[in-house]
Amino acid sequence: MSPIALTDIQLREVQQAAHLVPRDLCSVYLERLADELRGRDDLGDGEMHRLASKIAREIVWYAGRSAEVG
């Protein structure tokens, strides 16, 4: 797997969105984000913010739903 190049701003966006995710699901968040980023070289800072936040919110939402059901 090749590394994903991020700007400082993009890395900060990834880290800020990660704070929304429960600690035990951070690896899931990073894996999903990496899957979305693979092969995309044209990602701007704003799009990175939207993508990282969207994935973090989805993980938190599904974790909440699982807790309600379980």
PDB file of N, CA and C in Angstrom:
ATOM      1  N   MET A   1       0.855  -1.166   0.000  1.00  0.00           N
ATOM      2  CA  MET A   1       0.000   0.000   0.000  1.00  0.00           C
ATOM      3  C   MET A   1       0.905   1.235   0.000  1.00  0.00           C
ATOM      4  N   SER A   2       0.647   2.129  -0.904  1.00  0.00           N
ATOM      5  CA  SER A   2       1.471   3.340  -0.991  1.00  0.00           C
ATOM      6  C   SER A   2       0.952   4.409  -0.026  1.00  0.00           C
ATOM      7  N   PRO A   3       1.861   5.265   0.465  1.00  0.00           N
ATOM      8  CA  PRO A   3       1.444   6.325   1.383  1.00  0.00           C
ATOM      9  C   PRO A   3       0.548   7.349   0.686  1.00  0.00           C
ATOM     10  N   ILE A   4      -0.258   8.007   1.474  1.00  0.00           N
ATOM     11  CA  ILE A   4      -1.154   9.042   0.971  1.00  0.00           C
ATOM     12  C   ILE A   4      -0.563  10.388   1.376  1.00  0.00           C
ATOM     13  N   ALA A   5      -0.295  11.242   0.404  1.00  0.00           N
ATOM     14  CA  ALA A   5       0.286  12.553   0.682  1.00  0.00           C
ATOM     15  C   ALA A   5      -0.819  13.547   1.044  1.00  0.00           C
ATOM     16  N   LEU A   6      -0.656  14.182   2.205  1.00  0.00           N
ATOM     17  CA  LEU A   6      -1.611  15.188   2.658  1.00  0.00           C
ATOM     18  C   LEU A   6      -0.877  16.484   2.960  1.00  0.00           C
ATOM     19  N   THR A   7      -1.553  17.595   2.743  1.00  0.00           N
ATOM     20  CA  THR A   7      -1.000  18.875   3.165  1.00  0.00           C
ATOM     21  C   THR A   7      -1.171  18.978   4.683  1.00  0.00           C
ATOM     22  N   ASP A   8      -0.514  19.952   5.293  1.00  0.00           N
ATOM     23  CA  ASP A   8      -0.666  20.160   6.734  1.00  0.00           C
ATOM     24  C   ASP A   8      -2.119  20.440   7.093  1.00  0.00           C
ATOM     25  N   ILE A   9      -2.786  21.223   6.271  1.00  0.00           N
ATOM     26  CA  ILE A   9      -4.197  21.550   6.524  1.00  0.00           C
ATOM     27  C   ILE A   9      -5.056  20.299   6.420  1.00  0.00           C
ATOM     28  N   GLN A  10      -4.809  19.476   5.421  1.00  0.00           N
ATOM     29  CA  GLN A  10      -5.581  18.254   5.255  1.00  0.00           C
ATOM     30  C   GLN A  10      -5.360  17.296   6.423  1.00  0.00           C
ATOM     31  N   LEU A  11      -4.132  17.173   6.876  1.00  0.00           N
ATOM     32  CA  LEU A  11      -3.838  16.324   8.020  1.00  0.00           C
ATOM     33  C   LEU A  11      -4.569  16.822   9.263  1.00  0.00           C
ATOM     34  N   ARG A  12      -4.607  18.122   9.447  1.00  0.00           N
ATOM     35  CA  ARG A  12      -5.338  18.701  10.575  1.00  0.00           C
ATOM     36  C   ARG A  12      -6.834  18.380  10.481  1.00  0.00           C
ATOM     37  N   GLU A  13      -7.395  18.423   9.283  1.00  0.00           N
ATOM     38  CA  GLU A  13      -8.810  18.089   9.094  1.00  0.00           C
ATOM     39  C   GLU A  13      -9.076  16.634   9.469  1.00  0.00           C
ATOM     40  N   VAL A  14      -8.178  15.748   9.057  1.00  0.00           N
ATOM     41  CA  VAL A  14      -8.307  14.326   9.382  1.00  0.00           C
ATOM     42  C   VAL A  14      -8.261  14.134  10.893  1.00  0.00           C
ATOM     43  N   GLN A  15      -7.331  14.811  11.553  1.00  0.00           N
ATOM     44  CA  GLN A  15      -7.182  14.682  13.007  1.00  0.00           C
ATOM     45  C   GLN A  15      -8.387  15.262  13.745  1.00  0.00           C
ATOM     46  N   GLN A  16      -8.885  16.401  13.292  1.00  0.00           N
ATOM     47  CA  GLN A  16     -10.047  17.001  13.955  1.00  0.00           C
ATOM     48  C   GLN A  16     -11.278  16.112  13.831  1.00  0.00           C
ATOM     49  N   ALA A  17     -11.482  15.546  12.660  1.00  0.00           N
ATOM     50  CA  ALA A  17     -12.632  14.655  12.474  1.00  0.00           C
ATOM     51  C   ALA A  17     -12.467  13.391  13.314  1.00  0.00           C
ATOM     52  N   ALA A  18     -11.230  12.934  13.484  1.00  0.00           N
ATOM     53  CA  ALA A  18     -10.974  11.726  14.279  1.00  0.00           C
ATOM     54  C   ALA A  18     -11.385  11.918  15.732  1.00  0.00           C
ATOM     55  N   HIS A  19     -11.376  13.151  16.217  1.00  0.00           N
ATOM     56  CA  HIS A  19     -11.779  13.416  17.598  1.00  0.00           C
ATOM     57  C   HIS A  19     -13.264  13.117  17.829  1.00  0.00           C
ATOM     58  N   LEU A  20     -14.056  13.069  16.768  1.00  0.00           N
ATOM     59  CA  LEU A  20     -15.477  12.749  16.892  1.00  0.00           C
ATOM     60  C   LEU A  20     -15.721  11.256  17.092  1.00  0.00           C
ATOM     61  N   VAL A  21     -14.750  10.461  16.666  1.00  0.00           N
ATOM     62  CA  VAL A  21     -14.896   9.008  16.623  1.00  0.00           C
ATOM     63  C   VAL A  21     -14.456   8.390  17.949  1.00  0.00           C
ATOM     64  N   PRO A  22     -15.235   7.433  18.474  1.00  0.00           N
ATOM     65  CA  PRO A  22     -14.784   6.736  19.679  1.00  0.00           C
ATOM     66  C   PRO A  22     -13.400   6.108  19.442  1.00  0.00           C
ATOM     67  N   ARG A  23     -12.577   6.147  20.474  1.00  0.00           N
ATOM     68  CA  ARG A  23     -11.182   5.708  20.350  1.00  0.00           C
ATOM     69  C   ARG A  23     -11.071   4.291  19.773  1.00  0.00           C
ATOM     70  N   ASP A  24     -11.964   3.395  20.171  1.00  0.00           N
ATOM     71  CA  ASP A  24     -11.871   2.014  19.688  1.00  0.00           C
ATOM     72  C   ASP A  24     -12.280   1.867  18.218  1.00  0.00           C
ATOM     73  N   LEU A  25     -12.814   2.929  17.621  1.00  0.00           N
ATOM     74  CA  LEU A  25     -13.199   2.885  16.204  1.00  0.00           C
ATOM     75  C   LEU A  25     -12.312   3.762  15.321  1.00  0.00           C
ATOM     76  N   CYS A  26     -11.251   4.322  15.886  1.00  0.00           N
ATOM     77  CA  CYS A  26     -10.367   5.195  15.094  1.00  0.00           C
ATOM     78  C   CYS A  26      -9.711   4.460  13.938  1.00  0.00           C
ATOM     79  N   SER A  27      -9.333   3.209  14.145  1.00  0.00           N
ATOM     80  CA  SER A  27      -8.710   2.459  13.046  1.00  0.00           C
ATOM     81  C   SER A  27      -9.707   2.253  11.906  1.00  0.00           C
ATOM     82  N   VAL A  28     -10.976   2.038  12.247  1.00  0.00           N
ATOM     83  CA  VAL A  28     -12.016   1.897  11.222  1.00  0.00           C
ATOM     84  C   VAL A  28     -12.133   3.198  10.435  1.00  0.00           C
ATOM     85  N   TYR A  29     -12.143   4.318  11.148  1.00  0.00           N
ATOM     86  CA  TYR A  29     -12.223   5.634  10.517  1.00  0.00           C
ATOM     87  C   TYR A  29     -11.055   5.834   9.547  1.00  0.00           C
ATOM     88  N   LEU A  30      -9.844   5.573  10.007  1.00  0.00           N
ATOM     89  CA  LEU A  30      -8.665   5.791   9.160  1.00  0.00           C
ATOM     90  C   LEU A  30      -8.649   4.855   7.962  1.00  0.00           C
ATOM     91  N   GLU A  31      -9.083   3.617   8.142  1.00  0.00           N
ATOM     92  CA  GLU A  31      -9.126   2.680   7.019  1.00  0.00           C
ATOM     93  C   GLU A  31     -10.147   3.117   5.974  1.00  0.00           C
ATOM     94  N   ARG A  32     -11.327   3.535   6.427  1.00  0.00           N
ATOM     95  CA  ARG A  32     -12.354   3.995   5.480  1.00  0.00           C
ATOM     96  C   ARG A  32     -11.904   5.244   4.747  1.00  0.00           C
ATOM     97  N   LEU A  33     -11.266   6.165   5.470  1.00  0.00           N
ATOM     98  CA  LEU A  33     -10.768   7.381   4.839  1.00  0.00           C
ATOM     99  C   LEU A  33      -9.691   7.043   3.813  1.00  0.00           C
ATOM    100  N   ALA A  34      -8.782   6.153   4.169  1.00  0.00           N
ATOM    101  CA  ALA A  34      -7.721   5.746   3.237  1.00  0.00           C
ATOM    102  C   ALA A  34      -8.314   5.109   1.986  1.00  0.00           C
ATOM    103  N   ASP A  35      -9.338   4.275   2.157  1.00  0.00           N
ATOM    104  CA  ASP A  35      -9.999   3.657   1.000  1.00  0.00           C
ATOM    105  C   ASP A  35     -10.588   4.714   0.074  1.00  0.00           C
ATOM    106  N   GLU A  36     -11.210   5.740   0.671  1.00  0.00           N
ATOM    107  CA  GLU A  36     -11.809   6.814  -0.126  1.00  0.00           C
ATOM    108  C   GLU A  36     -10.743   7.653  -0.845  1.00  0.00           C
ATOM    109  N   LEU A  37      -9.588   7.798  -0.224  1.00  0.00           N
ATOM    110  CA  LEU A  37      -8.542   8.664  -0.774  1.00  0.00           C
ATOM    111  C   LEU A  37      -7.664   7.959  -1.803  1.00  0.00           C
ATOM    112  N   ARG A  38      -7.644   6.647  -1.765  1.00  0.00           N
ATOM    113  CA  ARG A  38      -6.760   5.898  -2.646  1.00  0.00           C
ATOM    114  C   ARG A  38      -7.016   6.254  -4.107  1.00  0.00           C
ATOM    115  N   GLY A  39      -5.958   6.655  -4.778  1.00  0.00           N
ATOM    116  CA  GLY A  39      -6.041   6.986  -6.190  1.00  0.00           C
ATOM    117  C   GLY A  39      -6.521   8.398  -6.495  1.00  0.00           C
ATOM    118  N   ARG A  40      -6.785   9.200  -5.471  1.00  0.00           N
ATOM    119  CA  ARG A  40      -7.266  10.574  -5.685  1.00  0.00           C
ATOM    120  C   ARG A  40      -6.136  11.546  -5.364  1.00  0.00           C
ATOM    121  N   ASP A  41      -5.643  12.204  -6.378  1.00  0.00           N
ATOM    122  CA  ASP A  41      -4.556  13.159  -6.198  1.00  0.00           C
ATOM    123  C   ASP A  41      -5.044  14.605  -6.192  1.00  0.00           C
ATOM    124  N   ASP A  42      -6.286  14.802  -6.552  1.00  0.00           N
ATOM    125  CA  ASP A  42      -6.806  16.146  -6.789  1.00  0.00           C
ATOM    126  C   ASP A  42      -7.650  16.684  -5.635  1.00  0.00           C
ATOM    127  N   LEU A  43      -7.510  16.124  -4.460  1.00  0.00           N
ATOM    128  CA  LEU A  43      -8.362  16.488  -3.341  1.00  0.00           C
ATOM    129  C   LEU A  43      -7.920  17.802  -2.721  1.00  0.00           C
ATOM    130  N   GLY A  44      -8.818  18.766  -2.667  1.00  0.00           N
ATOM    131  CA  GLY A  44      -8.528  20.051  -2.041  1.00  0.00           C
ATOM    132  C   GLY A  44      -8.794  20.000  -0.541  1.00  0.00           C
ATOM    133  N   ASP A  45      -8.399  21.051   0.147  1.00  0.00           N
ATOM    134  CA  ASP A  45      -8.551  21.109   1.600  1.00  0.00           C
ATOM    135  C   ASP A  45     -10.018  21.043   2.026  1.00  0.00           C
ATOM    136  N   GLY A  46     -10.876  21.764   1.325  1.00  0.00           N
ATOM    137  CA  GLY A  46     -12.302  21.761   1.657  1.00  0.00           C
ATOM    138  C   GLY A  46     -12.934  20.406   1.440  1.00  0.00           C
ATOM    139  N   GLU A  47     -12.567  19.758   0.352  1.00  0.00           N
ATOM    140  CA  GLU A  47     -13.121  18.437   0.072  1.00  0.00           C
ATOM    141  C   GLU A  47     -12.622  17.413   1.107  1.00  0.00           C
ATOM    142  N   MET A  48     -11.376  17.563   1.537  1.00  0.00           N
ATOM    143  CA  MET A  48     -10.849  16.681   2.585  1.00  0.00           C
ATOM    144  C   MET A  48     -11.645  16.873   3.877  1.00  0.00           C
ATOM    145  N   HIS A  49     -11.956  18.119   4.215  1.00  0.00           N
ATOM    146  CA  HIS A  49     -12.755  18.401   5.409  1.00  0.00           C
ATOM    147  C   HIS A  49     -14.115  17.715   5.317  1.00  0.00           C
ATOM    148  N   ARG A  50     -14.780  17.881   4.188  1.00  0.00           N
ATOM    149  CA  ARG A  50     -16.109  17.280   4.019  1.00  0.00           C
ATOM    150  C   ARG A  50     -16.051  15.755   4.079  1.00  0.00           C
ATOM    151  N   LEU A  51     -15.061  15.168   3.423  1.00  0.00           N
ATOM    152  CA  LEU A  51     -14.949  13.714   3.384  1.00  0.00           C
ATOM    153  C   LEU A  51     -14.614  13.140   4.765  1.00  0.00           C
ATOM    154  N   ALA A  52     -13.636  13.724   5.442  1.00  0.00           N
ATOM    155  CA  ALA A  52     -13.234  13.239   6.761  1.00  0.00           C
ATOM    156  C   ALA A  52     -14.385  13.383   7.753  1.00  0.00           C
ATOM    157  N   SER A  53     -15.082  14.507   7.716  1.00  0.00           N
ATOM    158  CA  SER A  53     -16.209  14.728   8.624  1.00  0.00           C
ATOM    159  C   SER A  53     -17.351  13.775   8.330  1.00  0.00           C
ATOM    160  N   LYS A  54     -17.628  13.543   7.067  1.00  0.00           N
ATOM    161  CA  LYS A  54     -18.714  12.644   6.665  1.00  0.00           C
ATOM    162  C   LYS A  54     -18.447  11.231   7.175  1.00  0.00           C
ATOM    163  N   ILE A  55     -17.238  10.747   6.974  1.00  0.00           N
ATOM    164  CA  ILE A  55     -16.898   9.386   7.408  1.00  0.00           C
ATOM    165  C   ILE A  55     -16.961   9.286   8.927  1.00  0.00           C
ATOM    166  N   ALA A  56     -16.446  10.287   9.627  1.00  0.00           N
ATOM    167  CA  ALA A  56     -16.481  10.280  11.093  1.00  0.00           C
ATOM    168  C   ALA A  56     -17.922  10.266  11.587  1.00  0.00           C
ATOM    169  N   ARG A  57     -18.784  11.096  11.004  1.00  0.00           N
ATOM    170  CA  ARG A  57     -20.188  11.140  11.420  1.00  0.00           C
ATOM    171  C   ARG A  57     -20.885   9.807  11.168  1.00  0.00           C
ATOM    172  N   GLU A  58     -20.594   9.178  10.031  1.00  0.00           N
ATOM    173  CA  GLU A  58     -21.202   7.883   9.723  1.00  0.00           C
ATOM    174  C   GLU A  58     -20.797   6.832  10.759  1.00  0.00           C
ATOM    175  N   ILE A  59     -19.535   6.808  11.125  1.00  0.00           N
ATOM    176  CA  ILE A  59     -19.056   5.829  12.101  1.00  0.00           C
ATOM    177  C   ILE A  59     -19.719   6.072  13.449  1.00  0.00           C
ATOM    178  N   VAL A  60     -19.797   7.322  13.863  1.00  0.00           N
ATOM    179  CA  VAL A  60     -20.441   7.648  15.136  1.00  0.00           C
ATOM    180  C   VAL A  60     -21.921   7.277  15.088  1.00  0.00           C
ATOM    181  N   TRP A  61     -22.591   7.547  13.991  1.00  0.00           N
ATOM    182  CA  TRP A  61     -24.006   7.231  13.856  1.00  0.00           C
ATOM    183  C   TRP A  61     -24.229   5.723  13.948  1.00  0.00           C
ATOM    184  N   TYR A  62     -23.435   4.943  13.197  1.00  0.00           N
ATOM    185  CA  TYR A  62     -23.587   3.488  13.236  1.00  0.00           C
ATOM    186  C   TYR A  62     -23.241   2.931  14.609  1.00  0.00           C
ATOM    187  N   ALA A  63     -22.256   3.504  15.285  1.00  0.00           N
ATOM    188  CA  ALA A  63     -21.903   3.053  16.628  1.00  0.00           C
ATOM    189  C   ALA A  63     -23.067   3.319  17.588  1.00  0.00           C
ATOM    190  N   GLY A  64     -23.711   4.462  17.438  1.00  0.00           N
ATOM    191  CA  GLY A  64     -24.872   4.780  18.263  1.00  0.00           C
ATOM    192  C   GLY A  64     -26.032   3.858  17.992  1.00  0.00           C
ATOM    193  N   ARG A  65     -26.256   3.547  16.730  1.00  0.00           N
ATOM    194  CA  ARG A  65     -27.345   2.638  16.372  1.00  0.00           C
ATOM    195  C   ARG A  65     -27.080   1.245  16.924  1.00  0.00           C
ATOM    196  N   SER A  66     -25.845   0.802  16.869  1.00  0.00           N
ATOM    197  CA  SER A  66     -25.493  -0.530  17.385  1.00  0.00           C
ATOM    198  C   SER A  66     -25.708  -0.574  18.894  1.00  0.00           C
ATOM    199  N   ALA A  67     -25.382   0.517  19.574  1.00  0.00           N
ATOM    200  CA  ALA A  67     -25.560   0.555  21.025  1.00  0.00           C
ATOM    201  C   ALA A  67     -27.045   0.515  21.393  1.00  0.00           C
ATOM    202  N   GLU A  68     -27.880   1.156  20.572  1.00  0.00           N
ATOM    203  CA  GLU A  68     -29.319   1.159  20.843  1.00  0.00           C
ATOM    204  C   GLU A  68     -29.918  -0.239  20.652  1.00  0.00           C
ATOM    205  N   VAL A  69     -29.457  -0.921  19.625  1.00  0.00           N
ATOM    206  CA  VAL A  69     -29.986  -2.246  19.302  1.00  0.00           C
ATOM    207  C   VAL A  69     -29.460  -3.282  20.286  1.00  0.00           C
ATOM    208  N   GLY A  70     -28.158  -3.173  20.633  1.00  0.00           N
ATOM    209  CA  GLY A  70     -27.517  -4.179  21.495  1.00  0.00           C
ATOM    210  C   GLY A  70     -27.855  -3.982  22.884  1.00  0.00           C
TER     211      GLY A  70
END
